[in-house]
Amino acid sequence: MKTTPNRHKIGLTAIIIIAFIIGFNIKDFALDLLLGGSMF
């Protein structure tokens, strides 16, 4: 089973999107800690 360049590109895009989502969640979590978790 040979992977096509297009499929590889889709995989990379998914990894980048997941990394962005995780990064935003960590940023929000850090802000919540700084604000004493009052934003929940």
Protein backbone atom coordinates (compact mmCIF):
# COMPACT_ATOMS: atom_id res chain seq x y z
CA MET A 1 0.00 0.00 0.00
CA LYS A 2 1.65 3.16 -1.25
CA THR A 3 0.92 6.53 0.31
CA THR A 4 0.19 9.32 -2.15
CA PRO A 5 1.62 12.83 -1.64
CA ASN A 6 -1.93 14.18 -1.37
CA ARG A 7 -2.73 11.83 1.51
CA HIS A 8 0.51 12.81 3.24
CA LYS A 9 -0.40 16.48 2.88
CA ILE A 10 -3.82 15.85 4.45
CA GLY A 11 -2.12 14.10 7.37
CA LEU A 12 0.27 17.01 7.88
CA THR A 13 -2.61 19.49 7.77
CA ALA A 14 -4.50 17.48 10.39
CA ILE A 15 -1.42 17.41 12.66
CA ILE A 16 -0.98 21.19 12.30
CA ILE A 17 -4.66 21.83 13.08
CA ILE A 18 -4.52 19.55 16.14
CA ALA A 19 -1.34 21.30 17.31
CA PHE A 20 -3.09 24.69 16.98
CA ILE A 21 -6.12 23.45 18.95
CA ILE A 22 -3.90 22.03 21.71
CA GLY A 23 -1.88 25.26 21.78
CA PHE A 24 -5.02 27.39 22.17
CA ASN A 25 -6.35 25.09 24.92
CA ILE A 26 -3.05 25.32 26.82
CA LYS A 27 -3.08 29.12 26.45
CA ASP A 28 -6.64 29.30 27.81
CA PHE A 29 -5.71 26.96 30.65
CA ALA A 30 -2.71 29.15 31.55
CA LEU A 31 -4.91 32.27 31.51
CA ASP A 32 -7.45 30.52 33.74
CA LEU A 33 -4.69 29.65 36.21
CA LEU A 34 -3.43 33.26 36.18
CA LEU A 35 -6.95 34.58 36.78
CA GLY A 36 -7.59 32.07 39.56
CA GLY A 37 -9.87 29.90 37.42
CA SER A 38 -12.67 32.48 37.68
CA MET A 39 -13.41 32.33 33.94
CA PHE A 40 -15.13 28.94 34.20
